[in-house]
Amino acid sequence: MEPVVKSYCLECEWEISATDYTADERTAAMVDHAIDTGHDVDSITRTGGADGDGSGVVL
């Protein structure tokens, strides 16, 4: 599984950064946001990319 860069809401401006929160904290926050608002959430992950330096970001 690729490292998560951030998680965000597909319907509003809510987001949570992987640099500021642990994976467990982000997961709990995503579930809470989805339950509280009924919004769908997703995450952006970093991949190896063509150059292999891990700079590619997949939406």
Protein backbone atom coordinates (compact mmCIF):
# COMPACT_ATOMS: atom_id res chain seq x y z
CA MET A 1 0.00 0.00 0.00
CA GLU A 2 1.32 3.44 -0.94
CA PRO A 3 1.81 6.13 1.73
CA VAL A 4 -1.09 8.55 2.14
CA VAL A 5 -0.31 12.25 1.58
CA LYS A 6 -3.67 13.57 2.76
CA SER A 7 -7.30 12.59 3.10
CA TYR A 8 -10.11 14.87 2.00
CA CYS A 9 -13.85 15.23 1.50
CA LEU A 10 -15.29 14.89 -1.99
CA GLU A 11 -18.11 17.31 -1.18
CA CYS A 12 -16.67 20.10 0.99
CA GLU A 13 -13.34 21.68 1.94
CA TRP A 14 -12.57 19.27 4.82
CA GLU A 15 -9.12 17.62 4.71
CA ILE A 16 -6.54 16.11 7.02
CA SER A 17 -2.79 15.90 6.37
CA ALA A 18 -0.60 12.83 6.81
CA THR A 19 2.21 15.06 8.06
CA ASP A 20 0.17 16.31 11.01
CA TYR A 21 -1.74 13.16 12.05
CA THR A 22 -1.09 9.45 12.40
CA ALA A 23 -2.86 6.92 10.17
CA ASP A 24 -5.18 5.94 13.03
CA GLU A 25 -6.06 9.60 13.75
CA ARG A 26 -6.79 10.24 10.05
CA THR A 27 -8.95 7.13 9.78
CA ALA A 28 -10.97 8.11 12.86
CA ALA A 29 -11.37 11.68 11.57
CA MET A 30 -12.47 10.44 8.12
CA VAL A 31 -15.07 8.11 9.63
CA ASP A 32 -16.33 10.86 11.96
CA HIS A 33 -16.60 13.34 9.08
CA ALA A 34 -18.47 10.83 6.90
CA ILE A 35 -20.89 9.95 9.70
CA ASP A 36 -21.46 13.55 10.81
CA THR A 37 -21.99 14.97 7.31
CA GLY A 38 -22.93 12.03 5.08
CA HIS A 39 -20.10 13.10 2.75
CA ASP A 40 -17.76 10.73 0.91
CA VAL A 41 -14.03 10.95 1.72
CA ASP A 42 -10.95 9.81 -0.19
CA SER A 43 -7.15 9.94 0.11
CA ILE A 44 -4.28 11.06 -2.08
CA THR A 45 -1.36 8.61 -2.12
CA ARG A 46 2.26 9.02 -3.18
CA THR A 47 3.54 6.47 -5.70
CA GLY A 48 6.94 5.56 -7.09
CA GLY A 49 6.16 7.25 -10.42
CA ALA A 50 8.11 6.75 -13.65
CA ASP A 51 11.30 8.22 -12.18
CA GLY A 52 11.10 6.07 -9.05
CA ASP A 53 11.71 8.92 -6.61
CA GLY A 54 8.26 8.67 -5.06
CA SER A 55 7.19 12.11 -6.27
CA GLY A 56 4.17 11.00 -8.28
CA VAL A 57 0.81 11.71 -6.68
CA VAL A 58 -2.27 9.73 -7.59
CA LEU A 59 -5.74 11.21 -7.06
